[in-house]
Amino acid sequence: MGSLGDGRRVLEIEARAVQAMVTRLDDTFANAVDLLFQCKGKVVVSGMGKSGLIGQKIAATLASTGTSSFFLHPAEGVHGDLGMLARRDALIAISNSGETAELLQILPYVERMGIPVIGLTGRMNSTLAKNSDVALDVSVSEEACPMGLAPTASTTATLAMGDALAVALLQKRGFREEDFAQFHPGGTLGRRLLVRVKDLMHSGADLPQVTESVAGTTAMLEMTAKKLGMTTVVDRAGKLAGIITDGDLRRFIQRGGDFARATARELASRNPKTIGPDDLAAKAVEMMERFSITTLVVTEGDRNIRGVIHLHDLLKSGIV
């Protein structure tokens, strides 16, 4: 068959395993989600071997989507780590056979504590299933391993079930993108959803600004000094009247204009694109892409200038 054929066979087997769970999903799943939603403490995930590795990922997914969660190694649990469990917690116990000795050993303690158990198992008549408040069927018809020994399709099915629980739970909680970003401040999504225009804009002494009446040469010197390739132009009341960019200067000269005698008013582009200081930096990116520009004037109220944000600022911050 060759490597390509082997790869396709594995993917097809694992895809069928997940698809089979879709067809047999019932109200038991909804009961499991309700149990997790009602949990006032932490959701503890436990499993041995490959099931334990899948459990670590499920715990991480829950934690990143607003559910306080951690992984408990069952063997470590019976040697002292059961103290990590509290009465308000819930337990997700993972065992394909449902007979994993180390995992079953912690169940009596969990029962005495009144901690509800969601069992993820491939055998619905197993000890784990019988001792779970809610048992979810993650059984597979075959493993992708040709010898049927290495956990492959079964671990994929379990992981998919864990994702299904986490996503259904976050939907029930009304979890939003902004909430997700709070748990991922160092990631791209976190930066896009947490960083505001005011966090990146040039303001105060760094803001390029001239009045309408100044000479064009003065405006050019301001642009050179502030190194943004532009300057804002204000009227007598200090309100935004326009901007002058490098492109405006080139176009003025190409039209035959007398730059030596020009004023900032004659050079400026009126009605420049603006954005608010409290808008997300991601919105600034979207506007720059939509209008094919590299700078936005940051304004508030009636054309009151608060700053300028440049594409380079967004690139350096990782927003783009």
C-alpha atoms as a PDB file:
ATOM      1  CA  MET A   1       0.000   0.000   0.000  1.00  0.00           C
ATOM      2  CA  GLY A   2       2.868   2.379   0.783  1.00  0.00           C
ATOM      3  CA  SER A   3       3.153   5.254   3.218  1.00  0.00           C
ATOM      4  CA  LEU A   4       0.602   7.416   1.427  1.00  0.00           C
ATOM      5  CA  GLY A   5      -1.967   4.646   1.558  1.00  0.00           C
ATOM      6  CA  ASP A   6      -1.193   3.936   5.206  1.00  0.00           C
ATOM      7  CA  GLY A   7      -1.670   7.585   6.073  1.00  0.00           C
ATOM      8  CA  ARG A   8      -4.998   7.784   4.294  1.00  0.00           C
ATOM      9  CA  ARG A   9      -6.206   4.593   5.964  1.00  0.00           C
ATOM     10  CA  VAL A  10      -5.386   5.959   9.425  1.00  0.00           C
ATOM     11  CA  LEU A  11      -7.148   9.249   8.756  1.00  0.00           C
ATOM     12  CA  GLU A  12     -10.210   7.487   7.373  1.00  0.00           C
ATOM     13  CA  ILE A  13     -10.444   5.185  10.412  1.00  0.00           C
ATOM     14  CA  GLU A  14     -10.116   8.082  12.838  1.00  0.00           C
ATOM     15  CA  ALA A  15     -12.591  10.211  10.875  1.00  0.00           C
ATOM     16  CA  ARG A  16     -15.125   7.355  11.020  1.00  0.00           C
ATOM     17  CA  ALA A  17     -14.565   7.037  14.764  1.00  0.00           C
ATOM     18  CA  VAL A  18     -15.449  10.683  15.332  1.00  0.00           C
ATOM     19  CA  GLN A  19     -18.378  10.540  12.918  1.00  0.00           C
ATOM     20  CA  ALA A  20     -19.785   7.530  14.754  1.00  0.00           C
ATOM     21  CA  MET A  21     -19.898   9.564  17.973  1.00  0.00           C
ATOM     22  CA  VAL A  22     -21.929  12.251  16.230  1.00  0.00           C
ATOM     23  CA  THR A  23     -24.686   9.791  15.401  1.00  0.00           C
ATOM     24  CA  ARG A  24     -24.910   8.381  18.931  1.00  0.00           C
ATOM     25  CA  LEU A  25     -24.669  11.662  20.855  1.00  0.00           C
ATOM     26  CA  ASP A  26     -27.783  12.052  23.005  1.00  0.00           C
ATOM     27  CA  ASP A  27     -29.134  13.820  26.093  1.00  0.00           C
ATOM     28  CA  THR A  28     -26.384  12.235  28.168  1.00  0.00           C
ATOM     29  CA  PHE A  29     -23.977  14.714  26.605  1.00  0.00           C
ATOM     30  CA  ALA A  30     -26.239  17.617  27.554  1.00  0.00           C
ATOM     31  CA  ASN A  31     -26.355  16.253  31.106  1.00  0.00           C
ATOM     32  CA  ALA A  32     -22.551  16.241  31.213  1.00  0.00           C
ATOM     33  CA  VAL A  33     -22.420  19.862  30.047  1.00  0.00           C
ATOM     34  CA  ASP A  34     -25.007  20.844  32.682  1.00  0.00           C
ATOM     35  CA  LEU A  35     -22.977  19.094  35.377  1.00  0.00           C
ATOM     36  CA  LEU A  36     -19.855  21.045  34.387  1.00  0.00           C
ATOM     37  CA  PHE A  37     -21.817  24.286  34.143  1.00  0.00           C
ATOM     38  CA  GLN A  38     -23.146  23.839  37.667  1.00  0.00           C
ATOM     39  CA  CYS A  39     -19.705  23.056  39.100  1.00  0.00           C
ATOM     40  CA  LYS A  40     -18.751  25.763  41.625  1.00  0.00           C
ATOM     41  CA  GLY A  41     -15.160  24.603  42.025  1.00  0.00           C
ATOM     42  CA  LYS A  42     -12.634  23.281  39.550  1.00  0.00           C
ATOM     43  CA  VAL A  43     -13.040  20.686  36.828  1.00  0.00           C
ATOM     44  CA  VAL A  44     -10.404  18.021  37.472  1.00  0.00           C
ATOM     45  CA  VAL A  45      -9.401  15.745  34.588  1.00  0.00           C
ATOM     46  CA  SER A  46      -7.685  12.413  35.233  1.00  0.00           C
ATOM     47  CA  GLY A  47      -6.404   9.482  33.176  1.00  0.00           C
ATOM     48  CA  MET A  48      -3.429   7.149  32.827  1.00  0.00           C
ATOM     49  CA  GLY A  49      -1.013   6.739  29.924  1.00  0.00           C
ATOM     50  CA  LYS A  50      -2.262   7.994  26.567  1.00  0.00           C
ATOM     51  CA  SER A  51      -5.629   8.780  28.164  1.00  0.00           C
ATOM     52  CA  GLY A  52      -3.746  10.970  30.624  1.00  0.00           C
ATOM     53  CA  LEU A  53      -2.082  12.886  27.793  1.00  0.00           C
ATOM     54  CA  ILE A  54      -5.477  13.458  26.195  1.00  0.00           C
ATOM     55  CA  GLY A  55      -6.778  14.492  29.614  1.00  0.00           C
ATOM     56  CA  GLN A  56      -4.056  17.127  29.927  1.00  0.00           C
ATOM     57  CA  LYS A  57      -5.151  18.649  26.640  1.00  0.00           C
ATOM     58  CA  ILE A  58      -8.823  18.602  27.668  1.00  0.00           C
ATOM     59  CA  ALA A  59      -7.959  20.320  30.960  1.00  0.00           C
ATOM     60  CA  ALA A  60      -5.939  22.945  29.075  1.00  0.00           C
ATOM     61  CA  THR A  61      -8.801  23.573  26.644  1.00  0.00           C
ATOM     62  CA  LEU A  62     -11.279  23.984  29.476  1.00  0.00           C
ATOM     63  CA  ALA A  63      -8.961  26.379  31.305  1.00  0.00           C
ATOM     64  CA  SER A  64      -8.429  28.510  28.198  1.00  0.00           C
ATOM     65  CA  THR A  65     -12.160  28.806  27.605  1.00  0.00           C
ATOM     66  CA  GLY A  66     -13.185  30.059  31.017  1.00  0.00           C
ATOM     67  CA  THR A  67     -13.527  26.883  33.089  1.00  0.00           C
ATOM     68  CA  SER A  68     -11.100  26.596  35.985  1.00  0.00           C
ATOM     69  CA  SER A  69      -9.498  23.212  35.387  1.00  0.00           C
ATOM     70  CA  PHE A  70      -6.384  21.127  36.022  1.00  0.00           C
ATOM     71  CA  PHE A  71      -5.070  17.625  35.346  1.00  0.00           C
ATOM     72  CA  LEU A  72      -4.620  15.113  38.184  1.00  0.00           C
ATOM     73  CA  HIS A  73      -2.418  12.068  37.584  1.00  0.00           C
ATOM     74  CA  PRO A  74      -4.352   9.175  39.200  1.00  0.00           C
ATOM     75  CA  ALA A  75      -1.220   7.352  40.364  1.00  0.00           C
ATOM     76  CA  GLU A  76       0.031  10.525  42.039  1.00  0.00           C
ATOM     77  CA  GLY A  77      -3.461  11.060  43.383  1.00  0.00           C
ATOM     78  CA  VAL A  78      -3.461   7.898  45.507  1.00  0.00           C
ATOM     79  CA  HIS A  79      -0.044   8.887  46.822  1.00  0.00           C
ATOM     80  CA  GLY A  80      -1.048  12.209  48.271  1.00  0.00           C
ATOM     81  CA  ASP A  81      -2.309  14.449  45.455  1.00  0.00           C
ATOM     82  CA  LEU A  82      -5.962  13.740  46.207  1.00  0.00           C
ATOM     83  CA  GLY A  83      -5.667  16.685  48.554  1.00  0.00           C
ATOM     84  CA  MET A  84      -5.947  18.823  45.432  1.00  0.00           C
ATOM     85  CA  LEU A  85      -9.612  17.820  45.142  1.00  0.00           C
ATOM     86  CA  ALA A  86     -12.332  19.784  46.929  1.00  0.00           C
ATOM     87  CA  ARG A  87     -16.037  19.139  47.528  1.00  0.00           C
ATOM     88  CA  ARG A  88     -17.183  21.733  45.010  1.00  0.00           C
ATOM     89  CA  ASP A  89     -15.149  20.174  42.171  1.00  0.00           C
ATOM     90  CA  ALA A  90     -16.187  17.871  39.327  1.00  0.00           C
ATOM     91  CA  LEU A  91     -14.111  15.023  37.875  1.00  0.00           C
ATOM     92  CA  ILE A  92     -13.717  13.962  34.262  1.00  0.00           C
ATOM     93  CA  ALA A  93     -12.262  10.435  34.394  1.00  0.00           C
ATOM     94  CA  ILE A  94     -10.842   8.947  31.190  1.00  0.00           C
ATOM     95  CA  SER A  95     -10.274   5.247  30.551  1.00  0.00           C
ATOM     96  CA  ASN A  96     -10.923   3.461  27.270  1.00  0.00           C
ATOM     97  CA  SER A  97     -11.328   0.109  29.018  1.00  0.00           C
ATOM     98  CA  GLY A  98     -13.061   1.632  32.016  1.00  0.00           C
ATOM     99  CA  GLU A  99     -10.990  -0.679  34.215  1.00  0.00           C
ATOM    100  CA  THR A 100      -7.766   1.310  34.703  1.00  0.00           C
ATOM    101  CA  ALA A 101      -6.718   0.328  38.235  1.00  0.00           C
ATOM    102  CA  GLU A 102      -5.082   3.617  39.213  1.00  0.00           C
ATOM    103  CA  LEU A 103      -8.128   5.580  38.115  1.00  0.00           C
ATOM    104  CA  LEU A 104     -10.615   3.291  39.857  1.00  0.00           C
ATOM    105  CA  GLN A 105      -8.651   3.618  43.101  1.00  0.00           C
ATOM    106  CA  ILE A 106      -9.509   7.299  43.398  1.00  0.00           C
ATOM    107  CA  LEU A 107     -13.246   6.806  42.824  1.00  0.00           C
ATOM    108  CA  PRO A 108     -14.113   5.825  46.441  1.00  0.00           C
ATOM    109  CA  TYR A 109     -12.445   9.013  47.719  1.00  0.00           C
ATOM    110  CA  VAL A 110     -14.255  11.065  45.074  1.00  0.00           C
ATOM    111  CA  GLU A 111     -17.572   9.502  46.070  1.00  0.00           C
ATOM    112  CA  ARG A 112     -16.995  10.252  49.772  1.00  0.00           C
ATOM    113  CA  MET A 113     -16.296  13.872  48.865  1.00  0.00           C
ATOM    114  CA  GLY A 114     -19.538  14.078  46.900  1.00  0.00           C
ATOM    115  CA  ILE A 115     -17.663  15.014  43.729  1.00  0.00           C
ATOM    116  CA  PRO A 116     -19.672  14.228  40.569  1.00  0.00           C
ATOM    117  CA  VAL A 117     -17.923  12.123  37.925  1.00  0.00           C
ATOM    118  CA  ILE A 118     -18.134  12.290  34.153  1.00  0.00           C
ATOM    119  CA  GLY A 119     -16.644   9.124  32.715  1.00  0.00           C
ATOM    120  CA  LEU A 120     -15.225   9.022  29.189  1.00  0.00           C
ATOM    121  CA  THR A 121     -14.931   5.357  28.318  1.00  0.00           C
ATOM    122  CA  GLY A 122     -15.072   2.927  25.437  1.00  0.00           C
ATOM    123  CA  ARG A 123     -17.012   0.326  27.444  1.00  0.00           C
ATOM    124  CA  MET A 124     -20.372   1.385  28.788  1.00  0.00           C
ATOM    125  CA  ASN A 125     -20.629  -1.711  31.003  1.00  0.00           C
ATOM    126  CA  SER A 126     -17.276  -1.038  32.662  1.00  0.00           C
ATOM    127  CA  THR A 127     -16.613  -0.227  36.318  1.00  0.00           C
ATOM    128  CA  LEU A 128     -15.908   3.399  35.447  1.00  0.00           C
ATOM    129  CA  ALA A 129     -19.157   3.773  33.525  1.00  0.00           C
ATOM    130  CA  LYS A 130     -21.174   2.224  36.343  1.00  0.00           C
ATOM    131  CA  ASN A 131     -19.580   4.517  38.919  1.00  0.00           C
ATOM    132  CA  SER A 132     -19.973   7.722  36.926  1.00  0.00           C
ATOM    133  CA  ASP A 133     -22.771  10.217  37.351  1.00  0.00           C
ATOM    134  CA  VAL A 134     -22.649  10.671  33.591  1.00  0.00           C
ATOM    135  CA  ALA A 135     -20.895   8.199  31.273  1.00  0.00           C
ATOM    136  CA  LEU A 136     -20.032   9.275  27.724  1.00  0.00           C
ATOM    137  CA  ASP A 137     -19.413   6.619  25.083  1.00  0.00           C
ATOM    138  CA  VAL A 138     -16.116   7.194  23.251  1.00  0.00           C
ATOM    139  CA  SER A 139     -15.848   3.654  21.891  1.00  0.00           C
ATOM    140  CA  VAL A 140     -14.411   2.961  18.437  1.00  0.00           C
ATOM    141  CA  SER A 141     -14.962  -0.008  16.136  1.00  0.00           C
ATOM    142  CA  GLU A 142     -11.228  -0.322  15.429  1.00  0.00           C
ATOM    143  CA  GLU A 143      -7.910   1.299  16.199  1.00  0.00           C
ATOM    144  CA  ALA A 144      -5.870   2.733  13.348  1.00  0.00           C
ATOM    145  CA  CYS A 145      -2.905   0.675  14.521  1.00  0.00           C
ATOM    146  CA  PRO A 146      -2.875  -2.458  12.287  1.00  0.00           C
ATOM    147  CA  MET A 147      -2.268  -4.632  15.341  1.00  0.00           C
ATOM    148  CA  GLY A 148      -5.073  -2.954  17.249  1.00  0.00           C
ATOM    149  CA  LEU A 149      -2.716  -2.262  20.131  1.00  0.00           C
ATOM    150  CA  ALA A 150      -1.594   1.387  20.084  1.00  0.00           C
ATOM    151  CA  PRO A 151      -4.351   3.828  21.145  1.00  0.00           C
ATOM    152  CA  THR A 152      -5.032   5.838  17.989  1.00  0.00           C
ATOM    153  CA  ALA A 153      -8.661   6.158  16.941  1.00  0.00           C
ATOM    154  CA  SER A 154      -9.741   5.802  20.567  1.00  0.00           C
ATOM    155  CA  THR A 155      -7.593   8.709  21.748  1.00  0.00           C
ATOM    156  CA  THR A 156      -8.759  10.838  18.815  1.00  0.00           C
ATOM    157  CA  ALA A 157     -12.387  10.110  19.713  1.00  0.00           C
ATOM    158  CA  THR A 158     -11.761  10.983  23.355  1.00  0.00           C
ATOM    159  CA  LEU A 159     -10.021  14.217  22.439  1.00  0.00           C
ATOM    160  CA  ALA A 160     -12.903  15.168  20.144  1.00  0.00           C
ATOM    161  CA  MET A 161     -15.406  14.469  22.925  1.00  0.00           C
ATOM    162  CA  GLY A 162     -13.387  16.664  25.278  1.00  0.00           C
ATOM    163  CA  ASP A 163     -13.430  19.468  22.707  1.00  0.00           C
ATOM    164  CA  ALA A 164     -17.177  19.038  22.284  1.00  0.00           C
ATOM    165  CA  LEU A 165     -17.686  19.384  26.043  1.00  0.00           C
ATOM    166  CA  ALA A 166     -15.467  22.470  26.245  1.00  0.00           C
ATOM    167  CA  VAL A 167     -17.109  24.241  23.307  1.00  0.00           C
ATOM    168  CA  ALA A 168     -20.665  23.418  24.413  1.00  0.00           C
ATOM    169  CA  LEU A 169     -19.753  24.660  27.891  1.00  0.00           C
ATOM    170  CA  LEU A 170     -18.279  27.945  26.669  1.00  0.00           C
ATOM    171  CA  GLN A 171     -21.411  28.514  24.593  1.00  0.00           C
ATOM    172  CA  LYS A 172     -23.566  27.885  27.649  1.00  0.00           C
ATOM    173  CA  ARG A 173     -21.460  30.358  29.629  1.00  0.00           C
ATOM    174  CA  GLY A 174     -21.778  33.007  26.915  1.00  0.00           C
ATOM    175  CA  PHE A 175     -17.993  33.067  26.575  1.00  0.00           C
ATOM    176  CA  ARG A 176     -16.840  35.738  24.074  1.00  0.00           C
ATOM    177  CA  GLU A 177     -13.730  36.469  22.043  1.00  0.00           C
ATOM    178  CA  GLU A 178     -12.809  39.180  24.539  1.00  0.00           C
ATOM    179  CA  ASP A 179     -12.990  36.624  27.372  1.00  0.00           C
ATOM    180  CA  PHE A 180     -10.782  34.231  25.416  1.00  0.00           C
ATOM    181  CA  ALA A 181      -8.249  36.992  24.908  1.00  0.00           C
ATOM    182  CA  GLN A 182      -8.028  37.559  28.673  1.00  0.00           C
ATOM    183  CA  PHE A 183      -6.611  34.042  29.005  1.00  0.00           C
ATOM    184  CA  HIS A 184      -4.261  34.479  26.018  1.00  0.00           C
ATOM    185  CA  PRO A 185      -2.662  37.909  26.529  1.00  0.00           C
ATOM    186  CA  GLY A 186       0.599  36.778  24.942  1.00  0.00           C
ATOM    187  CA  GLY A 187      -0.975  35.348  21.795  1.00  0.00           C
ATOM    188  CA  THR A 188      -1.937  37.023  18.548  1.00  0.00           C
ATOM    189  CA  LEU A 189      -5.636  36.875  19.384  1.00  0.00           C
ATOM    190  CA  GLY A 190      -4.988  38.395  22.779  1.00  0.00           C
ATOM    191  CA  ARG A 191      -3.125  41.302  21.263  1.00  0.00           C
ATOM    192  CA  ARG A 192      -5.832  41.835  18.634  1.00  0.00           C
ATOM    193  CA  LEU A 193      -8.600  41.878  21.219  1.00  0.00           C
ATOM    194  CA  LEU A 194      -6.905  43.647  24.110  1.00  0.00           C
ATOM    195  CA  VAL A 195      -4.716  46.360  22.571  1.00  0.00           C
ATOM    196  CA  ARG A 196      -6.432  49.692  21.950  1.00  0.00           C
ATOM    197  CA  VAL A 197      -5.468  52.455  19.556  1.00  0.00           C
ATOM    198  CA  LYS A 198      -4.501  54.695  22.475  1.00  0.00           C
ATOM    199  CA  ASP A 199      -1.923  52.094  23.553  1.00  0.00           C
ATOM    200  CA  LEU A 200       0.010  52.478  20.288  1.00  0.00           C
ATOM    201  CA  MET A 201      -0.692  55.990  18.990  1.00  0.00           C
ATOM    202  CA  HIS A 202       1.809  58.861  18.821  1.00  0.00           C
ATOM    203  CA  SER A 203       0.642  61.764  20.964  1.00  0.00           C
ATOM    204  CA  GLY A 204       1.932  64.794  22.809  1.00  0.00           C
ATOM    205  CA  ALA A 205       5.380  65.847  21.633  1.00  0.00           C
ATOM    206  CA  ASP A 206       5.469  62.921  19.194  1.00  0.00           C
ATOM    207  CA  LEU A 207       2.351  64.090  17.357  1.00  0.00           C
ATOM    208  CA  PRO A 208       3.116  65.784  14.018  1.00  0.00           C
ATOM    209  CA  GLN A 209       0.978  68.927  13.781  1.00  0.00           C
ATOM    210  CA  VAL A 210       0.977  72.274  11.985  1.00  0.00           C
ATOM    211  CA  THR A 211      -1.585  75.037  11.506  1.00  0.00           C
ATOM    212  CA  GLU A 212      -3.207  75.747   8.142  1.00  0.00           C
ATOM    213  CA  SER A 213      -1.437  79.055   7.702  1.00  0.00           C
ATOM    214  CA  VAL A 214       2.166  77.853   7.962  1.00  0.00           C
ATOM    215  CA  ALA A 215       4.372  77.521   4.905  1.00  0.00           C
ATOM    216  CA  GLY A 216       4.592  74.214   3.114  1.00  0.00           C
ATOM    217  CA  THR A 217       8.295  74.036   3.953  1.00  0.00           C
ATOM    218  CA  THR A 218       7.418  74.232   7.645  1.00  0.00           C
ATOM    219  CA  ALA A 219       4.973  71.363   7.251  1.00  0.00           C
ATOM    220  CA  MET A 220       7.661  69.334   5.485  1.00  0.00           C
ATOM    221  CA  LEU A 221      10.113  69.981   8.327  1.00  0.00           C
ATOM    222  CA  GLU A 222       7.480  68.792  10.847  1.00  0.00           C
ATOM    223  CA  MET A 223       6.965  65.622   8.806  1.00  0.00           C
ATOM    224  CA  THR A 224      10.716  65.019   8.724  1.00  0.00           C
ATOM    225  CA  ALA A 225      11.143  65.652  12.446  1.00  0.00           C
ATOM    226  CA  LYS A 226       8.328  63.309  13.548  1.00  0.00           C
ATOM    227  CA  LYS A 227       9.318  60.556  11.049  1.00  0.00           C
ATOM    228  CA  LEU A 228       5.796  59.374  10.264  1.00  0.00           C
ATOM    229  CA  GLY A 229       5.657  60.506   6.653  1.00  0.00           C
ATOM    230  CA  MET A 230       2.761  62.845   7.441  1.00  0.00           C
ATOM    231  CA  THR A 231       1.525  65.658   9.600  1.00  0.00           C
ATOM    232  CA  THR A 232      -1.881  66.678  10.852  1.00  0.00           C
ATOM    233  CA  VAL A 233      -3.162  70.130   9.955  1.00  0.00           C
ATOM    234  CA  VAL A 234      -5.353  72.097  12.357  1.00  0.00           C
ATOM    235  CA  ASP A 235      -7.519  75.198  11.959  1.00  0.00           C
ATOM    236  CA  ARG A 236      -7.511  78.284  14.186  1.00  0.00           C
ATOM    237  CA  ALA A 237      -9.595  76.464  16.811  1.00  0.00           C
ATOM    238  CA  GLY A 238      -7.080  73.637  16.941  1.00  0.00           C
ATOM    239  CA  LYS A 239      -9.501  71.210  15.255  1.00  0.00           C
ATOM    240  CA  LEU A 240      -8.512  68.701  12.600  1.00  0.00           C
ATOM    241  CA  ALA A 241      -8.618  70.352   9.153  1.00  0.00           C
ATOM    242  CA  GLY A 242      -6.707  67.730   7.190  1.00  0.00           C
ATOM    243  CA  ILE A 243      -3.403  65.920   6.817  1.00  0.00           C
ATOM    244  CA  ILE A 244      -0.365  66.232   4.612  1.00  0.00           C
ATOM    245  CA  THR A 245       1.425  63.071   3.503  1.00  0.00           C
ATOM    246  CA  ASP A 246       4.477  62.449   1.350  1.00  0.00           C
ATOM    247  CA  GLY A 247       2.034  61.562  -1.428  1.00  0.00           C
ATOM    248  CA  ASP A 248       0.274  64.911  -1.102  1.00  0.00           C
ATOM    249  CA  LEU A 249       3.575  66.729  -1.580  1.00  0.00           C
ATOM    250  CA  ARG A 250       4.454  64.706  -4.694  1.00  0.00           C
ATOM    251  CA  ARG A 251       1.025  65.186  -6.222  1.00  0.00           C
ATOM    252  CA  PHE A 252       1.118  68.956  -5.550  1.00  0.00           C
ATOM    253  CA  ILE A 253       4.455  69.283  -7.331  1.00  0.00           C
ATOM    254  CA  GLN A 254       3.325  67.040 -10.219  1.00  0.00           C
ATOM    255  CA  ARG A 255       0.334  69.334 -10.743  1.00  0.00           C
ATOM    256  CA  GLY A 256       2.755  72.230 -11.207  1.00  0.00           C
ATOM    257  CA  GLY A 257       2.133  73.835  -7.839  1.00  0.00           C
ATOM    258  CA  ASP A 258       4.607  76.355  -6.454  1.00  0.00           C
ATOM    259  CA  PHE A 259       5.805  74.574  -3.343  1.00  0.00           C
ATOM    260  CA  ALA A 260       7.941  77.517  -2.222  1.00  0.00           C
ATOM    261  CA  ARG A 261       4.819  79.686  -1.827  1.00  0.00           C
ATOM    262  CA  ALA A 262       2.309  77.019  -0.785  1.00  0.00           C
ATOM    263  CA  THR A 263       0.699  76.925   2.654  1.00  0.00           C
ATOM    264  CA  ALA A 264      -0.252  73.867   4.632  1.00  0.00           C
ATOM    265  CA  ARG A 265      -3.915  74.597   3.793  1.00  0.00           C
ATOM    266  CA  GLU A 266      -3.177  74.242   0.065  1.00  0.00           C
ATOM    267  CA  LEU A 267      -1.204  71.042   0.517  1.00  0.00           C
ATOM    268  CA  ALA A 268      -3.558  69.242   2.882  1.00  0.00           C
ATOM    269  CA  SER A 269      -5.991  66.462   2.060  1.00  0.00           C
ATOM    270  CA  ARG A 270      -9.361  67.240   3.625  1.00  0.00           C
ATOM    271  CA  ASN A 271     -11.512  64.726   5.512  1.00  0.00           C
ATOM    272  CA  PRO A 272      -8.786  62.217   6.400  1.00  0.00           C
ATOM    273  CA  LYS A 273      -9.700  58.809   7.819  1.00  0.00           C
ATOM    274  CA  THR A 274      -9.967  58.868  11.604  1.00  0.00           C
ATOM    275  CA  ILE A 275     -10.368  56.413  14.450  1.00  0.00           C
ATOM    276  CA  GLY A 276     -11.147  56.720  18.160  1.00  0.00           C
ATOM    277  CA  PRO A 277      -8.559  56.203  20.915  1.00  0.00           C
ATOM    278  CA  ASP A 278     -10.633  53.454  22.566  1.00  0.00           C
ATOM    279  CA  ASP A 279     -11.145  51.497  19.345  1.00  0.00           C
ATOM    280  CA  LEU A 280      -9.327  48.186  19.032  1.00  0.00           C
ATOM    281  CA  ALA A 281      -5.998  48.299  17.263  1.00  0.00           C
ATOM    282  CA  ALA A 282      -7.361  45.483  15.090  1.00  0.00           C
ATOM    283  CA  LYS A 283      -9.951  47.940  13.753  1.00  0.00           C
ATOM    284  CA  ALA A 284      -7.132  50.263  12.717  1.00  0.00           C
ATOM    285  CA  VAL A 285      -5.595  47.406  10.725  1.00  0.00           C
ATOM    286  CA  GLU A 286      -8.912  46.700   9.018  1.00  0.00           C
ATOM    287  CA  MET A 287      -9.365  50.373   8.065  1.00  0.00           C
ATOM    288  CA  MET A 288      -5.830  50.691   6.723  1.00  0.00           C
ATOM    289  CA  GLU A 289      -6.307  47.597   4.584  1.00  0.00           C
ATOM    290  CA  ARG A 290      -9.729  48.739   3.339  1.00  0.00           C
ATOM    291  CA  PHE A 291      -8.589  52.229   2.321  1.00  0.00           C
ATOM    292  CA  SER A 292      -4.990  51.309   1.337  1.00  0.00           C
ATOM    293  CA  ILE A 293      -3.453  53.810   3.750  1.00  0.00           C
ATOM    294  CA  THR A 294      -0.743  53.594   6.387  1.00  0.00           C
ATOM    295  CA  THR A 295      -1.833  56.266   8.877  1.00  0.00           C
ATOM    296  CA  LEU A 296      -4.977  57.159  10.807  1.00  0.00           C
ATOM    297  CA  VAL A 297      -5.623  60.295  12.813  1.00  0.00           C
ATOM    298  CA  VAL A 298      -6.946  59.500  16.285  1.00  0.00           C
ATOM    299  CA  THR A 299      -9.778  61.867  17.145  1.00  0.00           C
ATOM    300  CA  GLU A 300     -12.372  62.296  19.840  1.00  0.00           C
ATOM    301  CA  GLY A 301     -15.533  64.396  19.881  1.00  0.00           C
ATOM    302  CA  ASP A 302     -15.703  67.254  17.374  1.00  0.00           C
ATOM    303  CA  ARG A 303     -12.458  66.775  15.413  1.00  0.00           C
ATOM    304  CA  ASN A 304     -10.318  66.943  18.543  1.00  0.00           C
ATOM    305  CA  ILE A 305      -6.962  65.309  17.722  1.00  0.00           C
ATOM    306  CA  ARG A 306      -5.628  62.856  20.288  1.00  0.00           C
ATOM    307  CA  GLY A 307      -2.861  61.256  18.266  1.00  0.00           C
ATOM    308  CA  VAL A 308      -1.762  59.417  15.132  1.00  0.00           C
ATOM    309  CA  ILE A 309      -1.381  55.674  14.605  1.00  0.00           C
ATOM    310  CA  HIS A 310       0.866  54.255  11.881  1.00  0.00           C
ATOM    311  CA  LEU A 311       0.969  50.834  10.256  1.00  0.00           C
ATOM    312  CA  HIS A 312       4.515  50.356  11.579  1.00  0.00           C
ATOM    313  CA  ASP A 313       3.185  50.662  15.140  1.00  0.00           C
ATOM    314  CA  LEU A 314       0.739  47.841  14.460  1.00  0.00           C
ATOM    315  CA  LEU A 315       3.426  45.688  12.865  1.00  0.00           C
ATOM    316  CA  LYS A 316       5.819  46.142  15.779  1.00  0.00           C
ATOM    317  CA  SER A 317       3.122  45.295  18.313  1.00  0.00           C
ATOM    318  CA  GLY A 318       2.229  42.050  16.539  1.00  0.00           C
ATOM    319  CA  ILE A 319      -1.335  43.132  15.743  1.00  0.00           C
ATOM    320  CA  VAL A 320      -0.753  42.535  12.018  1.00  0.00           C
END
